[in-house]
Amino acid sequence: MGYWFLVIAIVSEVIGTLALKASNEFTHWFYSSASIVSYVVAFYFLSLVLKTVPIGIAYAIWAGMGIVLVASISAIVYKEIPDTAAIIGMVLIISGVVIMNVFSKSAAH
């Protein structure tokens, strides 16, 4: 169940971050509210994840996937196209998360 909660935490965090940009420094109440609610949901579900998944693994997946998803969606929604260095960085982030999950003994907790 922990990894399903992690998916919810990641999706909520991504929604919160995208809404934060749309809130225009908290001047649009709908996006501001969506951002706050999304972050509360994200942290709540992340707290549930930590009951069954080691914190280092959970945070690596949460942060890594959040970075990649926000950058990818921002490229479409906000036309913030990542350059080559950013793409290489995201590939390295994904690679690092995969390595942690496949080879780390702490992932088997």
PDB file of N, CA and C in Angstrom:
ATOM      1  N   MET A   1       0.822  -1.198   0.000  1.00  0.00           N
ATOM      2  CA  MET A   1       0.000   0.000   0.000  1.00  0.00           C
ATOM      3  C   MET A   1       0.866   1.262   0.000  1.00  0.00           C
ATOM      4  N   GLY A   2       2.068   1.155   0.575  1.00  0.00           N
ATOM      5  CA  GLY A   2       2.941   2.317   0.685  1.00  0.00           C
ATOM      6  C   GLY A   2       3.254   2.971  -0.642  1.00  0.00           C
ATOM      7  N   TYR A   3       3.505   2.155  -1.661  1.00  0.00           N
ATOM      8  CA  TYR A   3       3.849   2.729  -2.957  1.00  0.00           C
ATOM      9  C   TYR A   3       2.642   3.355  -3.650  1.00  0.00           C
ATOM     10  N   TRP A   4       1.451   2.865  -3.377  1.00  0.00           N
ATOM     11  CA  TRP A   4       0.239   3.520  -3.912  1.00  0.00           C
ATOM     12  C   TRP A   4       0.050   4.878  -3.251  1.00  0.00           C
ATOM     13  N   PHE A   5       0.312   4.931  -1.949  1.00  0.00           N
ATOM     14  CA  PHE A   5       0.247   6.220  -1.256  1.00  0.00           C
ATOM     15  C   PHE A   5       1.312   7.167  -1.802  1.00  0.00           C
ATOM     16  N   LEU A   6       2.447   6.625  -2.169  1.00  0.00           N
ATOM     17  CA  LEU A   6       3.514   7.449  -2.743  1.00  0.00           C
ATOM     18  C   LEU A   6       3.085   8.048  -4.085  1.00  0.00           C
ATOM     19  N   VAL A   7       2.381   7.290  -4.879  1.00  0.00           N
ATOM     20  CA  VAL A   7       1.863   7.811  -6.154  1.00  0.00           C
ATOM     21  C   VAL A   7       0.922   8.986  -5.882  1.00  0.00           C
ATOM     22  N   ILE A   8       0.042   8.836  -4.902  1.00  0.00           N
ATOM     23  CA  ILE A   8      -0.887   9.918  -4.560  1.00  0.00           C
ATOM     24  C   ILE A   8      -0.109  11.141  -4.076  1.00  0.00           C
ATOM     25  N   ALA A   9       0.913  10.918  -3.255  1.00  0.00           N
ATOM     26  CA  ALA A   9       1.734  12.029  -2.755  1.00  0.00           C
ATOM     27  C   ALA A   9       2.438  12.751  -3.901  1.00  0.00           C
ATOM     28  N   ILE A  10       2.972  11.996  -4.843  1.00  0.00           N
ATOM     29  CA  ILE A  10       3.682  12.597  -5.978  1.00  0.00           C
ATOM     30  C   ILE A  10       2.718  13.402  -6.848  1.00  0.00           C
ATOM     31  N   VAL A  11       1.593  12.805  -7.193  1.00  0.00           N
ATOM     32  CA  VAL A  11       0.615  13.505  -8.041  1.00  0.00           C
ATOM     33  C   VAL A  11       0.122  14.769  -7.342  1.00  0.00           C
ATOM     34  N   SER A  12      -0.136  14.685  -6.049  1.00  0.00           N
ATOM     35  CA  SER A  12      -0.598  15.857  -5.301  1.00  0.00           C
ATOM     36  C   SER A  12       0.464  16.949  -5.273  1.00  0.00           C
ATOM     37  N   GLU A  13       1.710  16.553  -5.092  1.00  0.00           N
ATOM     38  CA  GLU A  13       2.797  17.528  -5.059  1.00  0.00           C
ATOM     39  C   GLU A  13       2.960  18.198  -6.417  1.00  0.00           C
ATOM     40  N   VAL A  14       2.855  17.439  -7.476  1.00  0.00           N
ATOM     41  CA  VAL A  14       2.962  17.996  -8.830  1.00  0.00           C
ATOM     42  C   VAL A  14       1.817  18.985  -9.088  1.00  0.00           C
ATOM     43  N   ILE A  15       0.606  18.597  -8.733  1.00  0.00           N
ATOM     44  CA  ILE A  15      -0.541  19.501  -8.885  1.00  0.00           C
ATOM     45  C   ILE A  15      -0.320  20.774  -8.062  1.00  0.00           C
ATOM     46  N   GLY A  16       0.160  20.602  -6.842  1.00  0.00           N
ATOM     47  CA  GLY A  16       0.411  21.755  -5.979  1.00  0.00           C
ATOM     48  C   GLY A  16       1.448  22.702  -6.552  1.00  0.00           C
ATOM     49  N   THR A  17       2.498  22.150  -7.118  1.00  0.00           N
ATOM     50  CA  THR A  17       3.555  22.984  -7.692  1.00  0.00           C
ATOM     51  C   THR A  17       3.067  23.718  -8.936  1.00  0.00           C
ATOM     52  N   LEU A  18       2.334  23.013  -9.797  1.00  0.00           N
ATOM     53  CA  LEU A  18       1.797  23.665 -10.995  1.00  0.00           C
ATOM     54  C   LEU A  18       0.773  24.735 -10.618  1.00  0.00           C
ATOM     55  N   ALA A  19      -0.044  24.454  -9.605  1.00  0.00           N
ATOM     56  CA  ALA A  19      -1.016  25.445  -9.145  1.00  0.00           C
ATOM     57  C   ALA A  19      -0.314  26.645  -8.510  1.00  0.00           C
ATOM     58  N   LEU A  20       0.813  26.397  -7.848  1.00  0.00           N
ATOM     59  CA  LEU A  20       1.565  27.485  -7.233  1.00  0.00           C
ATOM     60  C   LEU A  20       2.021  28.485  -8.295  1.00  0.00           C
ATOM     61  N   LYS A  21       2.496  27.975  -9.419  1.00  0.00           N
ATOM     62  CA  LYS A  21       2.888  28.884 -10.518  1.00  0.00           C
ATOM     63  C   LYS A  21       1.664  29.630 -11.041  1.00  0.00           C
ATOM     64  N   ALA A  22       0.564  28.918 -11.215  1.00  0.00           N
ATOM     65  CA  ALA A  22      -0.655  29.540 -11.738  1.00  0.00           C
ATOM     66  C   ALA A  22      -1.256  30.543 -10.755  1.00  0.00           C
ATOM     67  N   SER A  23      -0.929  30.408  -9.476  1.00  0.00           N
ATOM     68  CA  SER A  23      -1.495  31.318  -8.474  1.00  0.00           C
ATOM     69  C   SER A  23      -0.966  32.737  -8.603  1.00  0.00           C
ATOM     70  N   ASN A  24       0.129  32.899  -9.358  1.00  0.00           N
ATOM     71  CA  ASN A  24       0.709  34.229  -9.579  1.00  0.00           C
ATOM     72  C   ASN A  24       0.958  34.936  -8.243  1.00  0.00           C
ATOM     73  N   GLU A  25       1.830  34.308  -7.458  1.00  0.00           N
ATOM     74  CA  GLU A  25       2.200  34.833  -6.127  1.00  0.00           C
ATOM     75  C   GLU A  25       0.998  34.937  -5.195  1.00  0.00           C
ATOM     76  N   PHE A  26       0.147  33.930  -5.228  1.00  0.00           N
ATOM     77  CA  PHE A  26      -1.043  33.832  -4.382  1.00  0.00           C
ATOM     78  C   PHE A  26      -2.042  34.960  -4.620  1.00  0.00           C
ATOM     79  N   THR A  27      -2.110  35.451  -5.849  1.00  0.00           N
ATOM     80  CA  THR A  27      -3.078  36.501  -6.163  1.00  0.00           C
ATOM     81  C   THR A  27      -4.355  35.945  -6.788  1.00  0.00           C
ATOM     82  N   HIS A  28      -4.345  34.682  -7.192  1.00  0.00           N
ATOM     83  CA  HIS A  28      -5.550  34.030  -7.720  1.00  0.00           C
ATOM     84  C   HIS A  28      -5.999  32.983  -6.700  1.00  0.00           C
ATOM     85  N   TRP A  29      -7.139  33.240  -6.081  1.00  0.00           N
ATOM     86  CA  TRP A  29      -7.580  32.416  -4.948  1.00  0.00           C
ATOM     87  C   TRP A  29      -7.775  30.953  -5.320  1.00  0.00           C
ATOM     88  N   PHE A  30      -8.288  30.652  -6.511  1.00  0.00           N
ATOM     89  CA  PHE A  30      -8.544  29.255  -6.881  1.00  0.00           C
ATOM     90  C   PHE A  30      -7.239  28.464  -6.928  1.00  0.00           C
ATOM     91  N   TYR A  31      -6.260  28.988  -7.647  1.00  0.00           N
ATOM     92  CA  TYR A  31      -4.984  28.272  -7.760  1.00  0.00           C
ATOM     93  C   TYR A  31      -4.208  28.278  -6.441  1.00  0.00           C
ATOM     94  N   SER A  32      -4.344  29.353  -5.692  1.00  0.00           N
ATOM     95  CA  SER A  32      -3.701  29.412  -4.376  1.00  0.00           C
ATOM     96  C   SER A  32      -4.268  28.332  -3.462  1.00  0.00           C
ATOM     97  N   SER A  33      -5.582  28.220  -3.437  1.00  0.00           N
ATOM     98  CA  SER A  33      -6.246  27.201  -2.618  1.00  0.00           C
ATOM     99  C   SER A  33      -5.885  25.799  -3.099  1.00  0.00           C
ATOM    100  N   ALA A  34      -5.877  25.609  -4.411  1.00  0.00           N
ATOM    101  CA  ALA A  34      -5.523  24.302  -4.970  1.00  0.00           C
ATOM    102  C   ALA A  34      -4.103  23.916  -4.584  1.00  0.00           C
ATOM    103  N   SER A  35      -3.209  24.882  -4.594  1.00  0.00           N
ATOM    104  CA  SER A  35      -1.820  24.620  -4.224  1.00  0.00           C
ATOM    105  C   SER A  35      -1.714  24.191  -2.761  1.00  0.00           C
ATOM    106  N   ILE A  36      -2.348  24.936  -1.889  1.00  0.00           N
ATOM    107  CA  ILE A  36      -2.281  24.629  -0.455  1.00  0.00           C
ATOM    108  C   ILE A  36      -2.898  23.265  -0.161  1.00  0.00           C
ATOM    109  N   VAL A  37      -4.069  23.007  -0.692  1.00  0.00           N
ATOM    110  CA  VAL A  37      -4.737  21.721  -0.465  1.00  0.00           C
ATOM    111  C   VAL A  37      -3.894  20.577  -1.029  1.00  0.00           C
ATOM    112  N   SER A  38      -3.346  20.776  -2.205  1.00  0.00           N
ATOM    113  CA  SER A  38      -2.525  19.720  -2.826  1.00  0.00           C
ATOM    114  C   SER A  38      -1.292  19.399  -1.994  1.00  0.00           C
ATOM    115  N   TYR A  39      -0.636  20.423  -1.465  1.00  0.00           N
ATOM    116  CA  TYR A  39       0.541  20.177  -0.626  1.00  0.00           C
ATOM    117  C   TYR A  39       0.165  19.472   0.684  1.00  0.00           C
ATOM    118  N   VAL A  40      -0.957  19.841   1.261  1.00  0.00           N
ATOM    119  CA  VAL A  40      -1.412  19.157   2.486  1.00  0.00           C
ATOM    120  C   VAL A  40      -1.665  17.680   2.185  1.00  0.00           C
ATOM    121  N   VAL A  41      -2.347  17.398   1.084  1.00  0.00           N
ATOM    122  CA  VAL A  41      -2.603  16.009   0.689  1.00  0.00           C
ATOM    123  C   VAL A  41      -1.283  15.285   0.435  1.00  0.00           C
ATOM    124  N   ALA A  42      -0.358  15.943  -0.263  1.00  0.00           N
ATOM    125  CA  ALA A  42       0.934  15.325  -0.579  1.00  0.00           C
ATOM    126  C   ALA A  42       1.686  14.940   0.694  1.00  0.00           C
ATOM    127  N   PHE A  43       1.760  15.856   1.644  1.00  0.00           N
ATOM    128  CA  PHE A  43       2.487  15.562   2.872  1.00  0.00           C
ATOM    129  C   PHE A  43       1.771  14.526   3.734  1.00  0.00           C
ATOM    130  N   TYR A  44       0.468  14.558   3.738  1.00  0.00           N
ATOM    131  CA  TYR A  44      -0.276  13.544   4.493  1.00  0.00           C
ATOM    132  C   TYR A  44       0.036  12.147   3.944  1.00  0.00           C
ATOM    133  N   PHE A  45      -0.074  11.994   2.622  1.00  0.00           N
ATOM    134  CA  PHE A  45       0.181  10.677   2.044  1.00  0.00           C
ATOM    135  C   PHE A  45       1.650  10.290   2.140  1.00  0.00           C
ATOM    136  N   LEU A  46       2.544  11.266   2.058  1.00  0.00           N
ATOM    137  CA  LEU A  46       3.955  10.945   2.265  1.00  0.00           C
ATOM    138  C   LEU A  46       4.184  10.432   3.685  1.00  0.00           C
ATOM    139  N   SER A  47       3.467  10.990   4.651  1.00  0.00           N
ATOM    140  CA  SER A  47       3.600  10.503   6.027  1.00  0.00           C
ATOM    141  C   SER A  47       3.121   9.059   6.151  1.00  0.00           C
ATOM    142  N   LEU A  48       2.085   8.691   5.385  1.00  0.00           N
ATOM    143  CA  LEU A  48       1.617   7.304   5.395  1.00  0.00           C
ATOM    144  C   LEU A  48       2.630   6.370   4.740  1.00  0.00           C
ATOM    145  N   VAL A  49       3.270   6.858   3.696  1.00  0.00           N
ATOM    146  CA  VAL A  49       4.289   6.074   2.989  1.00  0.00           C
ATOM    147  C   VAL A  49       5.408   5.692   3.942  1.00  0.00           C
ATOM    148  N   LEU A  50       5.787   6.616   4.817  1.00  0.00           N
ATOM    149  CA  LEU A  50       6.939   6.400   5.684  1.00  0.00           C
ATOM    150  C   LEU A  50       6.717   5.312   6.737  1.00  0.00           C
ATOM    151  N   LYS A  51       5.490   4.823   6.851  1.00  0.00           N
ATOM    152  CA  LYS A  51       5.233   3.693   7.750  1.00  0.00           C
ATOM    153  C   LYS A  51       5.814   2.399   7.179  1.00  0.00           C
ATOM    154  N   THR A  52       5.910   2.307   5.844  1.00  0.00           N
ATOM    155  CA  THR A  52       6.318   1.044   5.217  1.00  0.00           C
ATOM    156  C   THR A  52       7.518   1.155   4.286  1.00  0.00           C
ATOM    157  N   VAL A  53       7.853   2.363   3.860  1.00  0.00           N
ATOM    158  CA  VAL A  53       8.964   2.549   2.922  1.00  0.00           C
ATOM    159  C   VAL A  53      10.038   3.380   3.626  1.00  0.00           C
ATOM    160  N   PRO A  54      11.305   2.957   3.539  1.00  0.00           N
ATOM    161  CA  PRO A  54      12.374   3.749   4.169  1.00  0.00           C
ATOM    162  C   PRO A  54      12.368   5.197   3.660  1.00  0.00           C
ATOM    163  N   ILE A  55      12.653   6.125   4.556  1.00  0.00           N
ATOM    164  CA  ILE A  55      12.536   7.548   4.231  1.00  0.00           C
ATOM    165  C   ILE A  55      13.440   7.955   3.066  1.00  0.00           C
ATOM    166  N   GLY A  56      14.649   7.435   3.010  1.00  0.00           N
ATOM    167  CA  GLY A  56      15.561   7.792   1.922  1.00  0.00           C
ATOM    168  C   GLY A  56      15.035   7.365   0.568  1.00  0.00           C
ATOM    169  N   ILE A  57      14.476   6.180   0.511  1.00  0.00           N
ATOM    170  CA  ILE A  57      13.917   5.662  -0.740  1.00  0.00           C
ATOM    171  C   ILE A  57      12.655   6.436  -1.108  1.00  0.00           C
ATOM    172  N   ALA A  58      11.778   6.628  -0.128  1.00  0.00           N
ATOM    173  CA  ALA A  58      10.527   7.347  -0.387  1.00  0.00           C
ATOM    174  C   ALA A  58      10.800   8.764  -0.877  1.00  0.00           C
ATOM    175  N   TYR A  59      11.715   9.444  -0.211  1.00  0.00           N
ATOM    176  CA  TYR A  59      11.998  10.823  -0.588  1.00  0.00           C
ATOM    177  C   TYR A  59      12.672  10.917  -1.950  1.00  0.00           C
ATOM    178  N   ALA A  60      13.563   9.972  -2.243  1.00  0.00           N
ATOM    179  CA  ALA A  60      14.221   9.971  -3.557  1.00  0.00           C
ATOM    180  C   ALA A  60      13.194   9.808  -4.672  1.00  0.00           C
ATOM    181  N   ILE A  61      12.272   8.890  -4.487  1.00  0.00           N
ATOM    182  CA  ILE A  61      11.237   8.673  -5.507  1.00  0.00           C
ATOM    183  C   ILE A  61      10.328   9.891  -5.594  1.00  0.00           C
ATOM    184  N   TRP A  62       9.882  10.381  -4.440  1.00  0.00           N
ATOM    185  CA  TRP A  62       8.958  11.513  -4.391  1.00  0.00           C
ATOM    186  C   TRP A  62       9.573  12.750  -5.048  1.00  0.00           C
ATOM    187  N   ALA A  63      10.777  13.101  -4.628  1.00  0.00           N
ATOM    188  CA  ALA A  63      11.423  14.297  -5.162  1.00  0.00           C
ATOM    189  C   ALA A  63      11.815  14.114  -6.627  1.00  0.00           C
ATOM    190  N   GLY A  64      12.393  12.964  -6.936  1.00  0.00           N
ATOM    191  CA  GLY A  64      12.844  12.719  -8.303  1.00  0.00           C
ATOM    192  C   GLY A  64      11.710  12.719  -9.301  1.00  0.00           C
ATOM    193  N   MET A  65      10.669  11.995  -8.997  1.00  0.00           N
ATOM    194  CA  MET A  65       9.526  11.945  -9.910  1.00  0.00           C
ATOM    195  C   MET A  65       8.819  13.297  -9.968  1.00  0.00           C
ATOM    196  N   GLY A  66       8.784  14.002  -8.845  1.00  0.00           N
ATOM    197  CA  GLY A  66       8.190  15.334  -8.837  1.00  0.00           C
ATOM    198  C   GLY A  66       8.928  16.276  -9.773  1.00  0.00           C
ATOM    199  N   ILE A  67      10.253  16.243  -9.719  1.00  0.00           N
ATOM    200  CA  ILE A  67      11.066  17.101 -10.593  1.00  0.00           C
ATOM    201  C   ILE A  67      10.785  16.782 -12.060  1.00  0.00           C
ATOM    202  N   VAL A  68      10.829  15.506 -12.393  1.00  0.00           N
ATOM    203  CA  VAL A  68      10.651  15.097 -13.784  1.00  0.00           C
ATOM    204  C   VAL A  68       9.244  15.419 -14.282  1.00  0.00           C
ATOM    205  N   LEU A  69       8.242  15.128 -13.475  1.00  0.00           N
ATOM    206  CA  LEU A  69       6.863  15.388 -13.896  1.00  0.00           C
ATOM    207  C   LEU A  69       6.571  16.883 -14.007  1.00  0.00           C
ATOM    208  N   VAL A  70       7.022  17.669 -13.041  1.00  0.00           N
ATOM    209  CA  VAL A  70       6.780  19.113 -13.099  1.00  0.00           C
ATOM    210  C   VAL A  70       7.484  19.711 -14.317  1.00  0.00           C
ATOM    211  N   ALA A  71       8.721  19.320 -14.559  1.00  0.00           N
ATOM    212  CA  ALA A  71       9.444  19.845 -15.721  1.00  0.00           C
ATOM    213  C   ALA A  71       8.766  19.431 -17.026  1.00  0.00           C
ATOM    214  N   SER A  72       8.305  18.192 -17.081  1.00  0.00           N
ATOM    215  CA  SER A  72       7.656  17.701 -18.308  1.00  0.00           C
ATOM    216  C   SER A  72       6.324  18.406 -18.564  1.00  0.00           C
ATOM    217  N   ILE A  73       5.516  18.519 -17.516  1.00  0.00           N
ATOM    218  CA  ILE A  73       4.213  19.175 -17.674  1.00  0.00           C
ATOM    219  C   ILE A  73       4.390  20.668 -17.922  1.00  0.00           C
ATOM    220  N   SER A  74       5.384  21.285 -17.284  1.00  0.00           N
ATOM    221  CA  SER A  74       5.651  22.707 -17.496  1.00  0.00           C
ATOM    222  C   SER A  74       6.057  22.994 -18.936  1.00  0.00           C
ATOM    223  N   ALA A  75       6.725  22.027 -19.556  1.00  0.00           N
ATOM    224  CA  ALA A  75       7.102  22.196 -20.958  1.00  0.00           C
ATOM    225  C   ALA A  75       5.863  22.316 -21.839  1.00  0.00           C
ATOM    226  N   ILE A  76       4.823  21.583 -21.473  1.00  0.00           N
ATOM    227  CA  ILE A  76       3.583  21.603 -22.258  1.00  0.00           C
ATOM    228  C   ILE A  76       2.706  22.795 -21.876  1.00  0.00           C
ATOM    229  N   VAL A  77       2.458  22.950 -20.582  1.00  0.00           N
ATOM    230  CA  VAL A  77       1.503  23.953 -20.110  1.00  0.00           C
ATOM    231  C   VAL A  77       2.068  25.376 -20.173  1.00  0.00           C
ATOM    232  N   TYR A  78       3.305  25.558 -19.712  1.00  0.00           N
ATOM    233  CA  TYR A  78       3.891  26.892 -19.605  1.00  0.00           C
ATOM    234  C   TYR A  78       4.946  27.175 -20.674  1.00  0.00           C
ATOM    235  N   LYS A  79       5.140  26.220 -21.572  1.00  0.00           N
ATOM    236  CA  LYS A  79       6.129  26.374 -22.661  1.00  0.00           C
ATOM    237  C   LYS A  79       7.538  26.605 -22.120  1.00  0.00           C
ATOM    238  N   GLU A  80       7.827  26.035 -20.924  1.00  0.00           N
ATOM    239  CA  GLU A  80       9.157  26.116 -20.325  1.00  0.00           C
ATOM    240  C   GLU A  80       9.927  24.868 -20.753  1.00  0.00           C
ATOM    241  N   ILE A  81      10.490  24.930 -21.946  1.00  0.00           N
ATOM    242  CA  ILE A  81      11.132  23.769 -22.550  1.00  0.00           C
ATOM    243  C   ILE A  81      12.512  23.563 -21.918  1.00  0.00           C
ATOM    244  N   PRO A  82      12.757  22.370 -21.345  1.00  0.00           N
ATOM    245  CA  PRO A  82      14.073  22.107 -20.760  1.00  0.00           C
ATOM    246  C   PRO A  82      15.148  22.000 -21.843  1.00  0.00           C
ATOM    247  N   ASP A  83      16.324  22.526 -21.531  1.00  0.00           N
ATOM    248  CA  ASP A  83      17.420  22.410 -22.482  1.00  0.00           C
ATOM    249  C   ASP A  83      18.114  21.057 -22.312  1.00  0.00           C
ATOM    250  N   THR A  84      19.163  20.849 -23.084  1.00  0.00           N
ATOM    251  CA  THR A  84      19.864  19.559 -23.062  1.00  0.00           C
ATOM    252  C   THR A  84      20.398  19.226 -21.670  1.00  0.00           C
ATOM    253  N   ALA A  85      20.977  20.200 -21.004  1.00  0.00           N
ATOM    254  CA  ALA A  85      21.517  19.952 -19.666  1.00  0.00           C
ATOM    255  C   ALA A  85      20.418  19.529 -18.692  1.00  0.00           C
ATOM    256  N   ALA A  86      19.253  20.167 -18.786  1.00  0.00           N
ATOM    257  CA  ALA A  86      18.132  19.812 -17.910  1.00  0.00           C
ATOM    258  C   ALA A  86      17.640  18.404 -18.202  1.00  0.00           C
ATOM    259  N   ILE A  87      17.576  18.055 -19.455  1.00  0.00           N
ATOM    260  CA  ILE A  87      17.140  16.697 -19.828  1.00  0.00           C
ATOM    261  C   ILE A  87      18.132  15.662 -19.330  1.00  0.00           C
ATOM    262  N   ILE A  88      19.423  15.931 -19.503  1.00  0.00           N
ATOM    263  CA  ILE A  88      20.448  15.013 -18.987  1.00  0.00           C
ATOM    264  C   ILE A  88      20.320  14.891 -17.477  1.00  0.00           C
ATOM    265  N   GLY A  89      20.102  16.001 -16.801  1.00  0.00           N
ATOM    266  CA  GLY A  89      19.927  15.979 -15.350  1.00  0.00           C
ATOM    267  C   GLY A  89      18.742  15.130 -14.929  1.00  0.00           C
ATOM    268  N   MET A  90      17.631  15.248 -15.649  1.00  0.00           N
ATOM    269  CA  MET A  90      16.446  14.453 -15.320  1.00  0.00           C
ATOM    270  C   MET A  90      16.696  12.961 -15.575  1.00  0.00           C
ATOM    271  N   VAL A  91      17.421  12.648 -16.633  1.00  0.00           N
ATOM    272  CA  VAL A  91      17.771  11.245 -16.894  1.00  0.00           C
ATOM    273  C   VAL A  91      18.641  10.714 -15.764  1.00  0.00           C
ATOM    274  N   LEU A  92      19.564  11.526 -15.277  1.00  0.00           N
ATOM    275  CA  LEU A  92      20.416  11.107 -14.154  1.00  0.00           C
ATOM    276  C   LEU A  92      19.603  10.930 -12.874  1.00  0.00           C
ATOM    277  N   ILE A  93      18.633  11.803 -12.654  1.00  0.00           N
ATOM    278  CA  ILE A  93      17.763  11.662 -11.481  1.00  0.00           C
ATOM    279  C   ILE A  93      16.998  10.341 -11.548  1.00  0.00           C
ATOM    280  N   ILE A  94      16.387  10.071 -12.686  1.00  0.00           N
ATOM    281  CA  ILE A  94      15.646   8.819 -12.849  1.00  0.00           C
ATOM    282  C   ILE A  94      16.578   7.627 -12.671  1.00  0.00           C
ATOM    283  N   SER A  95      17.771   7.718 -13.251  1.00  0.00           N
ATOM    284  CA  SER A  95      18.747   6.629 -13.113  1.00  0.00           C
ATOM    285  C   SER A  95      19.118   6.413 -11.650  1.00  0.00           C
ATOM    286  N   GLY A  96      19.317   7.496 -10.931  1.00  0.00           N
ATOM    287  CA  GLY A  96      19.667   7.389  -9.513  1.00  0.00           C
ATOM    288  C   GLY A  96      18.567   6.739  -8.694  1.00  0.00           C
ATOM    289  N   VAL A  97      17.332   7.106  -8.964  1.00  0.00           N
ATOM    290  CA  VAL A  97      16.211   6.505  -8.243  1.00  0.00           C
ATOM    291  C   VAL A  97      16.110   5.011  -8.565  1.00  0.00           C
ATOM    292  N   VAL A  98      16.282   4.661  -9.827  1.00  0.00           N
ATOM    293  CA  VAL A  98      16.243   3.246 -10.216  1.00  0.00           C
ATOM    294  C   VAL A  98      17.373   2.483  -9.533  1.00  0.00           C
ATOM    295  N   ILE A  99      18.576   3.034  -9.532  1.00  0.00           N
ATOM    296  CA  ILE A  99      19.713   2.375  -8.887  1.00  0.00           C
ATOM    297  C   ILE A  99      19.448   2.175  -7.401  1.00  0.00           C
ATOM    298  N   MET A 100      18.908   3.199  -6.748  1.00  0.00           N
ATOM    299  CA  MET A 100      18.598   3.063  -5.321  1.00  0.00           C
ATOM    300  C   MET A 100      17.599   1.940  -5.079  1.00  0.00           C
ATOM    301  N   ASN A 101      16.575   1.859  -5.914  1.00  0.00           N
ATOM    302  CA  ASN A 101      15.536   0.858  -5.710  1.00  0.00           C
ATOM    303  C   ASN A 101      15.985  -0.550  -6.069  1.00  0.00           C
ATOM    304  N   VAL A 102      16.841  -0.680  -7.056  1.00  0.00           N
ATOM    305  CA  VAL A 102      17.256  -2.004  -7.504  1.00  0.00           C
ATOM    306  C   VAL A 102      18.423  -2.535  -6.678  1.00  0.00           C
ATOM    307  N   PHE A 103      19.377  -1.680  -6.350  1.00  0.00           N
ATOM    308  CA  PHE A 103      20.625  -2.161  -5.742  1.00  0.00           C
ATOM    309  C   PHE A 103      20.800  -1.856  -4.269  1.00  0.00           C
ATOM    310  N   SER A 104      20.050  -0.918  -3.722  1.00  0.00           N
ATOM    311  CA  SER A 104      20.250  -0.531  -2.330  1.00  0.00           C
ATOM    312  C   SER A 104      19.603  -1.552  -1.390  1.00  0.00           C
ATOM    313  N   LYS A 105      20.342  -1.922  -0.386  1.00  0.00           N
ATOM    314  CA  LYS A 105      19.798  -2.833   0.636  1.00  0.00           C
ATOM    315  C   LYS A 105      18.742  -2.122   1.474  1.00  0.00           C
ATOM    316  N   SER A 106      18.814  -0.803   1.586  1.00  0.00           N
ATOM    317  CA  SER A 106      17.811  -0.075   2.369  1.00  0.00           C
ATOM    318  C   SER A 106      16.445  -0.087   1.680  1.00  0.00           C
ATOM    319  N   ALA A 107      16.423  -0.292   0.366  1.00  0.00           N
ATOM    320  CA  ALA A 107      15.154  -0.347  -0.345  1.00  0.00           C
ATOM    321  C   ALA A 107      14.380  -1.617  -0.005  1.00  0.00           C
ATOM    322  N   ALA A 108      15.087  -2.640   0.443  1.00  0.00           N
ATOM    323  CA  ALA A 108      14.447  -3.921   0.753  1.00  0.00           C
ATOM    324  C   ALA A 108      13.867  -3.951   2.166  1.00  0.00           C
ATOM    325  N   HIS A 109      13.919  -2.850   2.873  1.00  0.00           N
ATOM    326  CA  HIS A 109      13.467  -2.768   4.274  1.00  0.00           C
ATOM    327  C   HIS A 109      12.130  -3.400   4.491  1.00  0.00           C
TER     328      HIS A 109
END
